[in-house]
Amino acid sequence: VELVTAAAERRKGFARAALSILLRRADEAGQDLVLLAERGNPAEGLYRALGFEDDGVEGLSPRLRRRAR
């Protein structure tokens, strides 16, 4: 799944809402959620706040993982 928020719609909670749904479903399934982010992505703070942690690099992109809870 690729999640992109239009520039005019950023910082309105859409990405947080979408990720929260995905995280809930991943937790229910007992699965980790992994995402790739561009270096310097301004959403990194959101990812960290939602529990994502560094999990290596894939290609040129940092890989972040949020372990199932």
PDB file of N, CA and C in Angstrom:
ATOM      1  N   VAL A   1       0.851  -1.172   0.000  1.00  0.00           N
ATOM      2  CA  VAL A   1       0.000   0.000   0.000  1.00  0.00           C
ATOM      3  C   VAL A   1       0.893   1.229   0.000  1.00  0.00           C
ATOM      4  N   GLU A   2       0.590   2.161  -0.834  1.00  0.00           N
ATOM      5  CA  GLU A   2       1.329   3.423  -0.845  1.00  0.00           C
ATOM      6  C   GLU A   2       0.392   4.508  -0.338  1.00  0.00           C
ATOM      7  N   LEU A   3       0.867   5.273   0.614  1.00  0.00           N
ATOM      8  CA  LEU A   3       0.069   6.345   1.201  1.00  0.00           C
ATOM      9  C   LEU A   3       0.756   7.674   0.913  1.00  0.00           C
ATOM     10  N   VAL A   4       0.062   8.534   0.206  1.00  0.00           N
ATOM     11  CA  VAL A   4       0.585   9.855  -0.121  1.00  0.00           C
ATOM     12  C   VAL A   4      -0.513  10.865   0.200  1.00  0.00           C
ATOM     13  N   THR A   5      -0.141  11.926   0.886  1.00  0.00           N
ATOM     14  CA  THR A   5      -1.095  12.986   1.202  1.00  0.00           C
ATOM     15  C   THR A   5      -0.762  14.200   0.350  1.00  0.00           C
ATOM     16  N   ALA A   6      -1.756  14.738  -0.327  1.00  0.00           N
ATOM     17  CA  ALA A   6      -1.553  15.936  -1.136  1.00  0.00           C
ATOM     18  C   ALA A   6      -1.038  17.067  -0.255  1.00  0.00           C
ATOM     19  N   ALA A   7      -0.148  17.866  -0.797  1.00  0.00           N
ATOM     20  CA  ALA A   7       0.488  18.938  -0.028  1.00  0.00           C
ATOM     21  C   ALA A   7      -0.540  19.833   0.668  1.00  0.00           C
ATOM     22  N   ALA A   8      -1.608  20.160  -0.006  1.00  0.00           N
ATOM     23  CA  ALA A   8      -2.621  21.060   0.578  1.00  0.00           C
ATOM     24  C   ALA A   8      -3.388  20.407   1.720  1.00  0.00           C
ATOM     25  N   GLU A   9      -3.312  19.081   1.821  1.00  0.00           N
ATOM     26  CA  GLU A   9      -4.063  18.364   2.857  1.00  0.00           C
ATOM     27  C   GLU A   9      -3.189  17.847   3.994  1.00  0.00           C
ATOM     28  N   ARG A  10      -1.922  18.158   3.968  1.00  0.00           N
ATOM     29  CA  ARG A  10      -1.018  17.667   5.007  1.00  0.00           C
ATOM     30  C   ARG A  10      -1.288  18.369   6.331  1.00  0.00           C
ATOM     31  N   ARG A  11      -0.940  17.659   7.400  1.00  0.00           N
ATOM     32  CA  ARG A  11      -1.059  18.167   8.776  1.00  0.00           C
ATOM     33  C   ARG A  11      -2.523  18.357   9.192  1.00  0.00           C
ATOM     34  N   LYS A  12      -3.402  17.561   8.596  1.00  0.00           N
ATOM     35  CA  LYS A  12      -4.825  17.600   8.952  1.00  0.00           C
ATOM     36  C   LYS A  12      -5.286  16.295   9.594  1.00  0.00           C
ATOM     37  N   GLY A  13      -4.365  15.354   9.774  1.00  0.00           N
ATOM     38  CA  GLY A  13      -4.690  14.111  10.463  1.00  0.00           C
ATOM     39  C   GLY A  13      -5.072  12.947   9.572  1.00  0.00           C
ATOM     40  N   PHE A  14      -5.056  13.135   8.254  1.00  0.00           N
ATOM     41  CA  PHE A  14      -5.452  12.047   7.362  1.00  0.00           C
ATOM     42  C   PHE A  14      -4.482  10.867   7.440  1.00  0.00           C
ATOM     43  N   ALA A  15      -3.188  11.144   7.391  1.00  0.00           N
ATOM     44  CA  ALA A  15      -2.197  10.066   7.437  1.00  0.00           C
ATOM     45  C   ALA A  15      -2.246   9.359   8.784  1.00  0.00           C
ATOM     46  N   ARG A  16      -2.392  10.112   9.859  1.00  0.00           N
ATOM     47  CA  ARG A  16      -2.492   9.496  11.193  1.00  0.00           C
ATOM     48  C   ARG A  16      -3.705   8.580  11.265  1.00  0.00           C
ATOM     49  N   ALA A  17      -4.834   9.029  10.734  1.00  0.00           N
ATOM     50  CA  ALA A  17      -6.049   8.215  10.758  1.00  0.00           C
ATOM     51  C   ALA A  17      -5.856   6.935   9.948  1.00  0.00           C
ATOM     52  N   ALA A  18      -5.297   7.058   8.749  1.00  0.00           N
ATOM     53  CA  ALA A  18      -5.085   5.889   7.898  1.00  0.00           C
ATOM     54  C   ALA A  18      -4.110   4.910   8.544  1.00  0.00           C
ATOM     55  N   LEU A  19      -3.010   5.418   9.073  1.00  0.00           N
ATOM     56  CA  LEU A  19      -2.027   4.548   9.718  1.00  0.00           C
ATOM     57  C   LEU A  19      -2.600   3.905  10.976  1.00  0.00           C
ATOM     58  N   SER A  20      -3.425   4.620  11.705  1.00  0.00           N
ATOM     59  CA  SER A  20      -4.037   4.055  12.911  1.00  0.00           C
ATOM     60  C   SER A  20      -4.922   2.864  12.568  1.00  0.00           C
ATOM     61  N   ILE A  21      -5.661   2.955  11.467  1.00  0.00           N
ATOM     62  CA  ILE A  21      -6.485   1.827  11.022  1.00  0.00           C
ATOM     63  C   ILE A  21      -5.598   0.647  10.648  1.00  0.00           C
ATOM     64  N   LEU A  22      -4.545   0.916   9.877  1.00  0.00           N
ATOM     65  CA  LEU A  22      -3.634  -0.163   9.488  1.00  0.00           C
ATOM     66  C   LEU A  22      -2.954  -0.790  10.697  1.00  0.00           C
ATOM     67  N   LEU A  23      -2.564   0.023  11.665  1.00  0.00           N
ATOM     68  CA  LEU A  23      -1.917  -0.500  12.873  1.00  0.00           C
ATOM     69  C   LEU A  23      -2.870  -1.368  13.674  1.00  0.00           C
ATOM     70  N   ARG A  24      -4.112  -0.941  13.785  1.00  0.00           N
ATOM     71  CA  ARG A  24      -5.100  -1.729  14.528  1.00  0.00           C
ATOM     72  C   ARG A  24      -5.298  -3.087  13.857  1.00  0.00           C
ATOM     73  N   ARG A  25      -5.416  -3.079  12.547  1.00  0.00           N
ATOM     74  CA  ARG A  25      -5.607  -4.340  11.813  1.00  0.00           C
ATOM     75  C   ARG A  25      -4.371  -5.237  11.927  1.00  0.00           C
ATOM     76  N   ALA A  26      -3.194  -4.646  11.850  1.00  0.00           N
ATOM     77  CA  ALA A  26      -1.968  -5.427  11.999  1.00  0.00           C
ATOM     78  C   ALA A  26      -1.903  -6.043  13.390  1.00  0.00           C
ATOM     79  N   ASP A  27      -2.251  -5.269  14.416  1.00  0.00           N
ATOM     80  CA  ASP A  27      -2.247  -5.795  15.781  1.00  0.00           C
ATOM     81  C   ASP A  27      -3.224  -6.942  15.928  1.00  0.00           C
ATOM     82  N   GLU A  28      -4.413  -6.787  15.359  1.00  0.00           N
ATOM     83  CA  GLU A  28      -5.427  -7.848  15.437  1.00  0.00           C
ATOM     84  C   GLU A  28      -4.934  -9.132  14.778  1.00  0.00           C
ATOM     85  N   ALA A  29      -4.134  -8.993  13.735  1.00  0.00           N
ATOM     86  CA  ALA A  29      -3.592 -10.144  13.012  1.00  0.00           C
ATOM     87  C   ALA A  29      -2.268 -10.629  13.611  1.00  0.00           C
ATOM     88  N   GLY A  30      -1.753  -9.892  14.610  1.00  0.00           N
ATOM     89  CA  GLY A  30      -0.478 -10.262  15.216  1.00  0.00           C
ATOM     90  C   GLY A  30       0.708 -10.039  14.300  1.00  0.00           C
ATOM     91  N   GLN A  31       0.604  -9.064  13.397  1.00  0.00           N
ATOM     92  CA  GLN A  31       1.662  -8.805  12.435  1.00  0.00           C
ATOM     93  C   GLN A  31       2.293  -7.446  12.653  1.00  0.00           C
ATOM     94  N   ASP A  32       3.597  -7.381  12.408  1.00  0.00           N
ATOM     95  CA  ASP A  32       4.293  -6.100  12.422  1.00  0.00           C
ATOM     96  C   ASP A  32       3.861  -5.295  11.200  1.00  0.00           C
ATOM     97  N   LEU A  33       4.017  -3.994  11.280  1.00  0.00           N
ATOM     98  CA  LEU A  33       3.773  -3.128  10.126  1.00  0.00           C
ATOM     99  C   LEU A  33       5.095  -2.471   9.773  1.00  0.00           C
ATOM    100  N   VAL A  34       5.483  -2.573   8.516  1.00  0.00           N
ATOM    101  CA  VAL A  34       6.756  -2.041   8.038  1.00  0.00           C
ATOM    102  C   VAL A  34       6.471  -0.984   6.983  1.00  0.00           C
ATOM    103  N   LEU A  35       7.208   0.111   7.037  1.00  0.00           N
ATOM    104  CA  LEU A  35       7.056   1.128   6.000  1.00  0.00           C
ATOM    105  C   LEU A  35       8.412   1.621   5.555  1.00  0.00           C
ATOM    106  N   LEU A  36       8.429   2.101   4.331  1.00  0.00           N
ATOM    107  CA  LEU A  36       9.621   2.721   3.766  1.00  0.00           C
ATOM    108  C   LEU A  36       9.337   4.208   3.654  1.00  0.00           C
ATOM    109  N   ALA A  37      10.293   5.014   4.034  1.00  0.00           N
ATOM    110  CA  ALA A  37      10.110   6.466   3.987  1.00  0.00           C
ATOM    111  C   ALA A  37      11.313   7.096   3.315  1.00  0.00           C
ATOM    112  N   GLU A  38      11.082   8.179   2.627  1.00  0.00           N
ATOM    113  CA  GLU A  38      12.196   8.907   2.039  1.00  0.00           C
ATOM    114  C   GLU A  38      13.011   9.544   3.155  1.00  0.00           C
ATOM    115  N   ARG A  39      14.297   9.642   2.932  1.00  0.00           N
ATOM    116  CA  ARG A  39      15.150  10.320   3.923  1.00  0.00           C
ATOM    117  C   ARG A  39      14.668  11.756   4.092  1.00  0.00           C
ATOM    118  N   GLY A  40      14.597  12.215   5.321  1.00  0.00           N
ATOM    119  CA  GLY A  40      14.183  13.583   5.591  1.00  0.00           C
ATOM    120  C   GLY A  40      12.682  13.804   5.472  1.00  0.00           C
ATOM    121  N   ASN A  41      11.912  12.735   5.374  1.00  0.00           N
ATOM    122  CA  ASN A  41      10.453  12.855   5.271  1.00  0.00           C
ATOM    123  C   ASN A  41       9.924  13.586   6.503  1.00  0.00           C
ATOM    124  N   PRO A  42       9.169  14.675   6.306  1.00  0.00           N
ATOM    125  CA  PRO A  42       8.648  15.410   7.464  1.00  0.00           C
ATOM    126  C   PRO A  42       7.669  14.603   8.302  1.00  0.00           C
ATOM    127  N   ALA A  43       7.146  13.502   7.779  1.00  0.00           N
ATOM    128  CA  ALA A  43       6.218  12.665   8.535  1.00  0.00           C
ATOM    129  C   ALA A  43       6.941  11.718   9.492  1.00  0.00           C
ATOM    130  N   GLU A  44       8.249  11.755   9.514  1.00  0.00           N
ATOM    131  CA  GLU A  44       8.981  10.840  10.387  1.00  0.00           C
ATOM    132  C   GLU A  44       8.579  11.001  11.849  1.00  0.00           C
ATOM    133  N   GLY A  45       8.309  12.217  12.270  1.00  0.00           N
ATOM    134  CA  GLY A  45       7.860  12.435  13.646  1.00  0.00           C
ATOM    135  C   GLY A  45       6.556  11.713  13.930  1.00  0.00           C
ATOM    136  N   LEU A  46       5.646  11.716  12.958  1.00  0.00           N
ATOM    137  CA  LEU A  46       4.385  10.982  13.094  1.00  0.00           C
ATOM    138  C   LEU A  46       4.665   9.495  13.230  1.00  0.00           C
ATOM    139  N   TYR A  47       5.518   8.977  12.368  1.00  0.00           N
ATOM    140  CA  TYR A  47       5.828   7.550  12.421  1.00  0.00           C
ATOM    141  C   TYR A  47       6.403   7.170  13.780  1.00  0.00           C
ATOM    142  N   ARG A  48       7.301   7.971  14.284  1.00  0.00           N
ATOM    143  CA  ARG A  48       7.903   7.697  15.598  1.00  0.00           C
ATOM    144  C   ARG A  48       6.834   7.758  16.704  1.00  0.00           C
ATOM    145  N   ALA A  49       5.949   8.753  16.620  1.00  0.00           N
ATOM    146  CA  ALA A  49       4.891   8.888  17.623  1.00  0.00           C
ATOM    147  C   ALA A  49       3.949   7.679  17.621  1.00  0.00           C
ATOM    148  N   LEU A  50       3.810   7.042  16.470  1.00  0.00           N
ATOM    149  CA  LEU A  50       2.944   5.864  16.366  1.00  0.00           C
ATOM    150  C   LEU A  50       3.674   4.568  16.714  1.00  0.00           C
ATOM    151  N   GLY A  51       4.940   4.684  17.092  1.00  0.00           N
ATOM    152  CA  GLY A  51       5.671   3.516  17.570  1.00  0.00           C
ATOM    153  C   GLY A  51       6.608   2.871  16.572  1.00  0.00           C
ATOM    154  N   PHE A  52       6.809   3.469  15.404  1.00  0.00           N
ATOM    155  CA  PHE A  52       7.733   2.906  14.425  1.00  0.00           C
ATOM    156  C   PHE A  52       9.173   3.154  14.876  1.00  0.00           C
ATOM    157  N   GLU A  53      10.022   2.152  14.621  1.00  0.00           N
ATOM    158  CA  GLU A  53      11.436   2.246  14.977  1.00  0.00           C
ATOM    159  C   GLU A  53      12.282   1.869  13.763  1.00  0.00           C
ATOM    160  N   ASP A  54      13.539   2.308  13.764  1.00  0.00           N
ATOM    161  CA  ASP A  54      14.456   1.979  12.674  1.00  0.00           C
ATOM    162  C   ASP A  54      14.576   0.469  12.529  1.00  0.00           C
ATOM    163  N   ASP A  55      14.585   0.015  11.273  1.00  0.00           N
ATOM    164  CA  ASP A  55      14.683  -1.414  10.994  1.00  0.00           C
ATOM    165  C   ASP A  55      15.528  -1.646   9.745  1.00  0.00           C
ATOM    166  N   GLY A  56      16.570  -0.866   9.588  1.00  0.00           N
ATOM    167  CA  GLY A  56      17.471  -1.052   8.464  1.00  0.00           C
ATOM    168  C   GLY A  56      17.171  -0.126   7.302  1.00  0.00           C
ATOM    169  N   VAL A  57      17.658  -0.517   6.142  1.00  0.00           N
ATOM    170  CA  VAL A  57      17.506   0.276   4.922  1.00  0.00           C
ATOM    171  C   VAL A  57      17.119  -0.687   3.814  1.00  0.00           C
ATOM    172  N   GLU A  58      16.219  -0.251   2.963  1.00  0.00           N
ATOM    173  CA  GLU A  58      15.836  -1.041   1.794  1.00  0.00           C
ATOM    174  C   GLU A  58      16.050  -0.169   0.569  1.00  0.00           C
ATOM    175  N   GLY A  59      17.023  -0.530  -0.238  1.00  0.00           N
ATOM    176  CA  GLY A  59      17.416   0.329  -1.340  1.00  0.00           C
ATOM    177  C   GLY A  59      18.018   1.599  -0.759  1.00  0.00           C
ATOM    178  N   LEU A  60      17.441   2.737  -1.091  1.00  0.00           N
ATOM    179  CA  LEU A  60      17.890   4.017  -0.543  1.00  0.00           C
ATOM    180  C   LEU A  60      16.974   4.522   0.565  1.00  0.00           C
ATOM    181  N   SER A  61      15.937   3.756   0.882  1.00  0.00           N
ATOM    182  CA  SER A  61      14.923   4.230   1.832  1.00  0.00           C
ATOM    183  C   SER A  61      15.095   3.612   3.211  1.00  0.00           C
ATOM    184  N   PRO A  62      15.008   4.439   4.246  1.00  0.00           N
ATOM    185  CA  PRO A  62      14.986   3.885   5.591  1.00  0.00           C
ATOM    186  C   PRO A  62      13.733   3.020   5.768  1.00  0.00           C
ATOM    187  N   ARG A  63      13.905   1.879   6.429  1.00  0.00           N
ATOM    188  CA  ARG A  63      12.781   0.998   6.714  1.00  0.00           C
ATOM    189  C   ARG A  63      12.441   1.155   8.197  1.00  0.00           C
ATOM    190  N   LEU A  64      11.176   1.374   8.481  1.00  0.00           N
ATOM    191  CA  LEU A  64      10.704   1.528   9.852  1.00  0.00           C
ATOM    192  C   LEU A  64       9.715   0.409  10.155  1.00  0.00           C
ATOM    193  N   ARG A  65       9.752  -0.099  11.371  1.00  0.00           N
ATOM    194  CA  ARG A  65       8.883  -1.214  11.774  1.00  0.00           C
ATOM    195  C   ARG A  65       8.155  -0.845  13.060  1.00  0.00           C
ATOM    196  N   ARG A  66       6.891  -1.200  13.100  1.00  0.00           N
ATOM    197  CA  ARG A  66       6.118  -1.087  14.341  1.00  0.00           C
ATOM    198  C   ARG A  66       5.670  -2.491  14.680  1.00  0.00           C
ATOM    199  N   ARG A  67       6.185  -3.017  15.773  1.00  0.00           N
ATOM    200  CA  ARG A  67       5.905  -4.392  16.170  1.00  0.00           C
ATOM    201  C   ARG A  67       4.463  -4.544  16.628  1.00  0.00           C
ATOM    202  N   ALA A  68       3.885  -5.685  16.315  1.00  0.00           N
ATOM    203  CA  ALA A  68       2.500  -5.972  16.716  1.00  0.00           C
ATOM    204  C   ALA A  68       2.381  -5.942  18.238  1.00  0.00           C
ATOM    205  N   ARG A  69       1.248  -5.482  18.686  1.00  0.00           N
ATOM    206  CA  ARG A  69       1.003  -5.391  20.133  1.00  0.00           C
ATOM    207  C   ARG A  69      -0.189  -6.231  20.513  1.00  0.00           C
TER     208      ARG A  69
END
